[in-house]
Every structure is written in C-alpha cells, then in structure tokens.
Amino acid sequence: MNGGFKMAFTDKKEAFKYVNEYQKEKYDRITVMAAKGKKEEYQTAAKIKGMKLSAFVQYCVDKEIDRMKND
C-alpha cells in the first residue's frame, strides 16, 4: 500500500502512461506566457476564490467570453 491507498497500477511507468493518455484524450493543453511576477498575482487571486490557477484562468476567460457575447 502507498500512503494508505492501494495503487491501481503496480508499475509506475504504466500508471503515468495511462494518465498521460487519458489527459491527451480528455483535455486540450493551453500554454500562457505572462509578464514576470504575474503568475504569483494570478495564484493569489485564484486562492482568494478558492480555485486552482488553471480553473481560475478558465473561469476568467469564460467570464470575458460571456461578457463579449452580451455586448
């Protein structure tokens, strides 16, 4: 057992392969470049909202898209 949880895969390499394949199938990867220091600012704002950085960025983009549709 690993930290009280039974691993579904005994081979870590196979587990990582499965996770990578799942993510590739289910998610689009978007890379964002920001000015130095902005990441910390965004992380702080995300934390205030109780969100992870990725979820916060998606939330902000979706909110702006909705605003644009209603203009």
PDB file of N, CA and C in Angstrom:
ATOM      1  N   MET A   1       0.838  -1.189   0.000  1.00  0.00           N
ATOM      2  CA  MET A   1       0.000   0.000   0.000  1.00  0.00           C
ATOM      3  C   MET A   1       0.878   1.246   0.000  1.00  0.00           C
ATOM      4  N   ASN A   2       0.373   2.282  -0.628  1.00  0.00           N
ATOM      5  CA  ASN A   2       1.116   3.524  -0.766  1.00  0.00           C
ATOM      6  C   ASN A   2       0.372   4.636  -0.037  1.00  0.00           C
ATOM      7  N   GLY A   3       0.821   5.038   1.130  1.00  0.00           N
ATOM      8  CA  GLY A   3       0.195   6.111   1.886  1.00  0.00           C
ATOM      9  C   GLY A   3      -1.252   5.810   2.254  1.00  0.00           C
ATOM     10  N   GLY A   4      -1.578   4.542   2.449  1.00  0.00           N
ATOM     11  CA  GLY A   4      -2.935   4.181   2.810  1.00  0.00           C
ATOM     12  C   GLY A   4      -3.847   3.939   1.614  1.00  0.00           C
ATOM     13  N   PHE A   5      -3.346   4.185   0.402  1.00  0.00           N
ATOM     14  CA  PHE A   5      -4.142   3.970  -0.798  1.00  0.00           C
ATOM     15  C   PHE A   5      -3.534   2.842  -1.614  1.00  0.00           C
ATOM     16  N   LYS A   6      -4.364   1.971  -2.113  1.00  0.00           N
ATOM     17  CA  LYS A   6      -3.892   0.886  -2.961  1.00  0.00           C
ATOM     18  C   LYS A   6      -3.776   1.419  -4.384  1.00  0.00           C
ATOM     19  N   MET A   7      -2.624   1.281  -4.987  1.00  0.00           N
ATOM     20  CA  MET A   7      -2.411   1.761  -6.343  1.00  0.00           C
ATOM     21  C   MET A   7      -3.090   0.824  -7.337  1.00  0.00           C
ATOM     22  N   ALA A   8      -3.776   1.385  -8.320  1.00  0.00           N
ATOM     23  CA  ALA A   8      -4.425   0.593  -9.356  1.00  0.00           C
ATOM     24  C   ALA A   8      -3.376  -0.037 -10.270  1.00  0.00           C
ATOM     25  N   PHE A   9      -2.238   0.613 -10.393  1.00  0.00           N
ATOM     26  CA  PHE A   9      -1.153   0.102 -11.220  1.00  0.00           C
ATOM     27  C   PHE A   9       0.032  -0.208 -10.320  1.00  0.00           C
ATOM     28  N   THR A  10       0.590  -1.386 -10.465  1.00  0.00           N
ATOM     29  CA  THR A  10       1.772  -1.726  -9.684  1.00  0.00           C
ATOM     30  C   THR A  10       3.023  -1.149 -10.338  1.00  0.00           C
ATOM     31  N   ASP A  11       2.964  -0.903 -11.645  1.00  0.00           N
ATOM     32  CA  ASP A  11       4.082  -0.346 -12.384  1.00  0.00           C
ATOM     33  C   ASP A  11       3.846   1.158 -12.579  1.00  0.00           C
ATOM     34  N   LYS A  12       4.693   1.982 -11.980  1.00  0.00           N
ATOM     35  CA  LYS A  12       4.519   3.440 -12.062  1.00  0.00           C
ATOM     36  C   LYS A  12       4.578   3.934 -13.496  1.00  0.00           C
ATOM     37  N   LYS A  13       5.416   3.317 -14.303  1.00  0.00           N
ATOM     38  CA  LYS A  13       5.537   3.717 -15.697  1.00  0.00           C
ATOM     39  C   LYS A  13       4.204   3.533 -16.429  1.00  0.00           C
ATOM     40  N   GLU A  14       3.547   2.429 -16.171  1.00  0.00           N
ATOM     41  CA  GLU A  14       2.241   2.155 -16.783  1.00  0.00           C
ATOM     42  C   GLU A  14       1.183   3.140 -16.267  1.00  0.00           C
ATOM     43  N   ALA A  15       1.264   3.491 -14.996  1.00  0.00           N
ATOM     44  CA  ALA A  15       0.320   4.443 -14.416  1.00  0.00           C
ATOM     45  C   ALA A  15       0.477   5.808 -15.074  1.00  0.00           C
ATOM     46  N   PHE A  16       1.709   6.276 -15.229  1.00  0.00           N
ATOM     47  CA  PHE A  16       1.952   7.562 -15.875  1.00  0.00           C
ATOM     48  C   PHE A  16       1.493   7.534 -17.330  1.00  0.00           C
ATOM     49  N   LYS A  17       1.728   6.413 -18.003  1.00  0.00           N
ATOM     50  CA  LYS A  17       1.300   6.259 -19.393  1.00  0.00           C
ATOM     51  C   LYS A  17      -0.225   6.386 -19.483  1.00  0.00           C
ATOM     52  N   TYR A  18      -0.923   5.722 -18.573  1.00  0.00           N
ATOM     53  CA  TYR A  18      -2.387   5.784 -18.554  1.00  0.00           C
ATOM     54  C   TYR A  18      -2.873   7.211 -18.320  1.00  0.00           C
ATOM     55  N   VAL A  19      -2.302   7.890 -17.338  1.00  0.00           N
ATOM     56  CA  VAL A  19      -2.702   9.264 -17.021  1.00  0.00           C
ATOM     57  C   VAL A  19      -2.448  10.177 -18.220  1.00  0.00           C
ATOM     58  N   ASN A  20      -1.290  10.048 -18.835  1.00  0.00           N
ATOM     59  CA  ASN A  20      -0.956  10.888 -19.991  1.00  0.00           C
ATOM     60  C   ASN A  20      -1.911  10.641 -21.153  1.00  0.00           C
ATOM     61  N   GLU A  21      -2.251   9.396 -21.414  1.00  0.00           N
ATOM     62  CA  GLU A  21      -3.185   9.070 -22.490  1.00  0.00           C
ATOM     63  C   GLU A  21      -4.578   9.623 -22.178  1.00  0.00           C
ATOM     64  N   TYR A  22      -5.004   9.489 -20.935  1.00  0.00           N
ATOM     65  CA  TYR A  22      -6.311   9.998 -20.518  1.00  0.00           C
ATOM     66  C   TYR A  22      -6.369  11.513 -20.706  1.00  0.00           C
ATOM     67  N   GLN A  23      -5.339  12.211 -20.248  1.00  0.00           N
ATOM     68  CA  GLN A  23      -5.318  13.666 -20.359  1.00  0.00           C
ATOM     69  C   GLN A  23      -5.292  14.102 -21.821  1.00  0.00           C
ATOM     70  N   LYS A  24      -4.548  13.398 -22.642  1.00  0.00           N
ATOM     71  CA  LYS A  24      -4.456  13.723 -24.060  1.00  0.00           C
ATOM     72  C   LYS A  24      -5.821  13.579 -24.729  1.00  0.00           C
ATOM     73  N   GLU A  25      -6.576  12.570 -24.317  1.00  0.00           N
ATOM     74  CA  GLU A  25      -7.896  12.299 -24.890  1.00  0.00           C
ATOM     75  C   GLU A  25      -8.952  13.278 -24.391  1.00  0.00           C
ATOM     76  N   LYS A  26      -8.877  13.679 -23.124  1.00  0.00           N
ATOM     77  CA  LYS A  26      -9.949  14.449 -22.493  1.00  0.00           C
ATOM     78  C   LYS A  26      -9.715  15.957 -22.413  1.00  0.00           C
ATOM     79  N   TYR A  27      -8.484  16.416 -22.566  1.00  0.00           N
ATOM     80  CA  TYR A  27      -8.176  17.823 -22.343  1.00  0.00           C
ATOM     81  C   TYR A  27      -7.373  18.420 -23.488  1.00  0.00           C
ATOM     82  N   ASP A  28      -7.555  19.718 -23.713  1.00  0.00           N
ATOM     83  CA  ASP A  28      -6.688  20.498 -24.591  1.00  0.00           C
ATOM     84  C   ASP A  28      -5.650  21.171 -23.699  1.00  0.00           C
ATOM     85  N   ARG A  29      -4.425  21.216 -24.162  1.00  0.00           N
ATOM     86  CA  ARG A  29      -3.370  21.890 -23.405  1.00  0.00           C
ATOM     87  C   ARG A  29      -3.193  23.287 -23.972  1.00  0.00           C
ATOM     88  N   ILE A  30      -3.241  24.283 -23.095  1.00  0.00           N
ATOM     89  CA  ILE A  30      -3.060  25.679 -23.478  1.00  0.00           C
ATOM     90  C   ILE A  30      -1.928  26.240 -22.623  1.00  0.00           C
ATOM     91  N   THR A  31      -0.934  26.808 -23.273  1.00  0.00           N
ATOM     92  CA  THR A  31       0.187  27.411 -22.556  1.00  0.00           C
ATOM     93  C   THR A  31       0.037  28.921 -22.603  1.00  0.00           C
ATOM     94  N   VAL A  32       0.182  29.556 -21.455  1.00  0.00           N
ATOM     95  CA  VAL A  32       0.035  31.010 -21.361  1.00  0.00           C
ATOM     96  C   VAL A  32       1.350  31.604 -20.874  1.00  0.00           C
ATOM     97  N   MET A  33       1.818  32.617 -21.578  1.00  0.00           N
ATOM     98  CA  MET A  33       3.010  33.344 -21.155  1.00  0.00           C
ATOM     99  C   MET A  33       2.532  34.645 -20.513  1.00  0.00           C
ATOM    100  N   ALA A  34       3.089  34.966 -19.360  1.00  0.00           N
ATOM    101  CA  ALA A  34       2.716  36.192 -18.650  1.00  0.00           C
ATOM    102  C   ALA A  34       3.979  36.906 -18.206  1.00  0.00           C
ATOM    103  N   ALA A  35       3.850  38.205 -18.008  1.00  0.00           N
ATOM    104  CA  ALA A  35       4.985  39.000 -17.535  1.00  0.00           C
ATOM    105  C   ALA A  35       5.448  38.470 -16.178  1.00  0.00           C
ATOM    106  N   LYS A  36       6.743  38.574 -15.934  1.00  0.00           N
ATOM    107  CA  LYS A  36       7.339  38.128 -14.680  1.00  0.00           C
ATOM    108  C   LYS A  36       6.576  38.736 -13.503  1.00  0.00           C
ATOM    109  N   GLY A  37       6.216  37.904 -12.541  1.00  0.00           N
ATOM    110  CA  GLY A  37       5.507  38.363 -11.354  1.00  0.00           C
ATOM    111  C   GLY A  37       3.995  38.192 -11.448  1.00  0.00           C
ATOM    112  N   LYS A  38       3.458  38.054 -12.665  1.00  0.00           N
ATOM    113  CA  LYS A  38       2.011  37.917 -12.837  1.00  0.00           C
ATOM    114  C   LYS A  38       1.505  36.573 -12.322  1.00  0.00           C
ATOM    115  N   LYS A  39       2.312  35.533 -12.471  1.00  0.00           N
ATOM    116  CA  LYS A  39       1.870  34.216 -12.022  1.00  0.00           C
ATOM    117  C   LYS A  39       1.516  34.239 -10.537  1.00  0.00           C
ATOM    118  N   GLU A  40       2.354  34.857  -9.746  1.00  0.00           N
ATOM    119  CA  GLU A  40       2.093  34.953  -8.302  1.00  0.00           C
ATOM    120  C   GLU A  40       0.812  35.739  -8.039  1.00  0.00           C
ATOM    121  N   GLU A  41       0.615  36.821  -8.787  1.00  0.00           N
ATOM    122  CA  GLU A  41      -0.601  37.632  -8.645  1.00  0.00           C
ATOM    123  C   GLU A  41      -1.842  36.805  -8.994  1.00  0.00           C
ATOM    124  N   TYR A  42      -1.756  36.042 -10.085  1.00  0.00           N
ATOM    125  CA  TYR A  42      -2.885  35.198 -10.505  1.00  0.00           C
ATOM    126  C   TYR A  42      -3.142  34.082  -9.488  1.00  0.00           C
ATOM    127  N   GLN A  43      -2.063  33.492  -8.974  1.00  0.00           N
ATOM    128  CA  GLN A  43      -2.221  32.426  -7.978  1.00  0.00           C
ATOM    129  C   GLN A  43      -2.893  32.955  -6.713  1.00  0.00           C
ATOM    130  N   THR A  44      -2.523  34.154  -6.303  1.00  0.00           N
ATOM    131  CA  THR A  44      -3.124  34.767  -5.114  1.00  0.00           C
ATOM    132  C   THR A  44      -4.613  35.002  -5.340  1.00  0.00           C
ATOM    133  N   ALA A  45      -4.958  35.518  -6.512  1.00  0.00           N
ATOM    134  CA  ALA A  45      -6.371  35.765  -6.834  1.00  0.00           C
ATOM    135  C   ALA A  45      -7.140  34.440  -6.880  1.00  0.00           C
ATOM    136  N   ALA A  46      -6.537  33.417  -7.457  1.00  0.00           N
ATOM    137  CA  ALA A  46      -7.182  32.103  -7.523  1.00  0.00           C
ATOM    138  C   ALA A  46      -7.424  31.553  -6.125  1.00  0.00           C
ATOM    139  N   LYS A  47      -6.436  31.701  -5.264  1.00  0.00           N
ATOM    140  CA  LYS A  47      -6.557  31.214  -3.885  1.00  0.00           C
ATOM    141  C   LYS A  47      -7.688  31.927  -3.156  1.00  0.00           C
ATOM    142  N   ILE A  48      -7.809  33.232  -3.353  1.00  0.00           N
ATOM    143  CA  ILE A  48      -8.887  34.006  -2.735  1.00  0.00           C
ATOM    144  C   ILE A  48     -10.245  33.460  -3.171  1.00  0.00           C
ATOM    145  N   LYS A  49     -10.352  33.050  -4.449  1.00  0.00           N
ATOM    146  CA  LYS A  49     -11.605  32.490  -4.970  1.00  0.00           C
ATOM    147  C   LYS A  49     -11.765  31.012  -4.620  1.00  0.00           C
ATOM    148  N   GLY A  50     -10.738  30.427  -3.964  1.00  0.00           N
ATOM    149  CA  GLY A  50     -10.799  29.014  -3.603  1.00  0.00           C
ATOM    150  C   GLY A  50     -10.615  28.093  -4.794  1.00  0.00           C
ATOM    151  N   MET A  51      -9.815  28.548  -5.767  1.00  0.00           N
ATOM    152  CA  MET A  51      -9.632  27.793  -7.001  1.00  0.00           C
ATOM    153  C   MET A  51      -8.161  27.506  -7.248  1.00  0.00           C
ATOM    154  N   LYS A  52      -7.907  26.490  -8.055  1.00  0.00           N
ATOM    155  CA  LYS A  52      -6.558  26.244  -8.572  1.00  0.00           C
ATOM    156  C   LYS A  52      -6.317  27.260  -9.680  1.00  0.00           C
ATOM    157  N   LEU A  53      -5.053  27.526  -9.992  1.00  0.00           N
ATOM    158  CA  LEU A  53      -4.705  28.530 -11.001  1.00  0.00           C
ATOM    159  C   LEU A  53      -5.354  28.215 -12.349  1.00  0.00           C
ATOM    160  N   SER A  54      -5.275  26.983 -12.797  1.00  0.00           N
ATOM    161  CA  SER A  54      -5.844  26.609 -14.093  1.00  0.00           C
ATOM    162  C   SER A  54      -7.351  26.860 -14.130  1.00  0.00           C
ATOM    163  N   ALA A  55      -8.055  26.463 -13.087  1.00  0.00           N
ATOM    164  CA  ALA A  55      -9.501  26.676 -13.022  1.00  0.00           C
ATOM    165  C   ALA A  55      -9.826  28.171 -12.997  1.00  0.00           C
ATOM    166  N   PHE A  56      -9.014  28.945 -12.288  1.00  0.00           N
ATOM    167  CA  PHE A  56      -9.228  30.388 -12.207  1.00  0.00           C
ATOM    168  C   PHE A  56      -9.059  31.050 -13.571  1.00  0.00           C
ATOM    169  N   VAL A  57      -8.025  30.663 -14.294  1.00  0.00           N
ATOM    170  CA  VAL A  57      -7.788  31.225 -15.631  1.00  0.00           C
ATOM    171  C   VAL A  57      -8.963  30.880 -16.549  1.00  0.00           C
ATOM    172  N   GLN A  58      -9.416  29.625 -16.507  1.00  0.00           N
ATOM    173  CA  GLN A  58     -10.564  29.223 -17.319  1.00  0.00           C
ATOM    174  C   GLN A  58     -11.807  30.033 -16.945  1.00  0.00           C
ATOM    175  N   TYR A  59     -12.033  30.209 -15.651  1.00  0.00           N
ATOM    176  CA  TYR A  59     -13.166  30.984 -15.152  1.00  0.00           C
ATOM    177  C   TYR A  59     -13.121  32.413 -15.709  1.00  0.00           C
ATOM    178  N   CYS A  60     -11.956  33.045 -15.631  1.00  0.00           N
ATOM    179  CA  CYS A  60     -11.820  34.429 -16.102  1.00  0.00           C
ATOM    180  C   CYS A  60     -12.044  34.525 -17.612  1.00  0.00           C
ATOM    181  N   VAL A  61     -11.495  33.599 -18.361  1.00  0.00           N
ATOM    182  CA  VAL A  61     -11.673  33.606 -19.817  1.00  0.00           C
ATOM    183  C   VAL A  61     -13.137  33.387 -20.162  1.00  0.00           C
ATOM    184  N   ASP A  62     -13.777  32.401 -19.534  1.00  0.00           N
ATOM    185  CA  ASP A  62     -15.189  32.127 -19.792  1.00  0.00           C
ATOM    186  C   ASP A  62     -16.062  33.336 -19.456  1.00  0.00           C
ATOM    187  N   LYS A  63     -15.738  33.989 -18.346  1.00  0.00           N
ATOM    188  CA  LYS A  63     -16.491  35.179 -17.919  1.00  0.00           C
ATOM    189  C   LYS A  63     -16.360  36.289 -18.965  1.00  0.00           C
ATOM    190  N   GLU A  64     -15.163  36.483 -19.485  1.00  0.00           N
ATOM    191  CA  GLU A  64     -14.943  37.517 -20.514  1.00  0.00           C
ATOM    192  C   GLU A  64     -15.666  37.155 -21.808  1.00  0.00           C
ATOM    193  N   ILE A  65     -15.654  35.895 -22.198  1.00  0.00           N
ATOM    194  CA  ILE A  65     -16.360  35.457 -23.405  1.00  0.00           C
ATOM    195  C   ILE A  65     -17.858  35.709 -23.254  1.00  0.00           C
ATOM    196  N   ASP A  66     -18.412  35.367 -22.093  1.00  0.00           N
ATOM    197  CA  ASP A  66     -19.833  35.623 -21.828  1.00  0.00           C
ATOM    198  C   ASP A  66     -20.135  37.124 -21.912  1.00  0.00           C
ATOM    199  N   ARG A  67     -19.261  37.936 -21.350  1.00  0.00           N
ATOM    200  CA  ARG A  67     -19.446  39.382 -21.383  1.00  0.00           C
ATOM    201  C   ARG A  67     -19.430  39.886 -22.826  1.00  0.00           C
ATOM    202  N   MET A  68     -18.521  39.372 -23.640  1.00  0.00           N
ATOM    203  CA  MET A  68     -18.421  39.769 -25.031  1.00  0.00           C
ATOM    204  C   MET A  68     -19.672  39.376 -25.830  1.00  0.00           C
ATOM    205  N   LYS A  69     -20.223  38.208 -25.525  1.00  0.00           N
ATOM    206  CA  LYS A  69     -21.438  37.749 -26.216  1.00  0.00           C
ATOM    207  C   LYS A  69     -22.624  38.642 -25.906  1.00  0.00           C
ATOM    208  N   ASN A  70     -22.653  39.210 -24.706  1.00  0.00           N
ATOM    209  CA  ASN A  70     -23.771  40.035 -24.268  1.00  0.00           C
ATOM    210  C   ASN A  70     -23.631  41.513 -24.617  1.00  0.00           C
ATOM    211  N   ASP A  71     -22.499  41.897 -25.184  1.00  0.00           N
ATOM    212  CA  ASP A  71     -22.285  43.302 -25.556  1.00  0.00           C
ATOM    213  C   ASP A  71     -23.009  43.638 -26.849  1.00  0.00           C
TER     214      ASP A  71
END
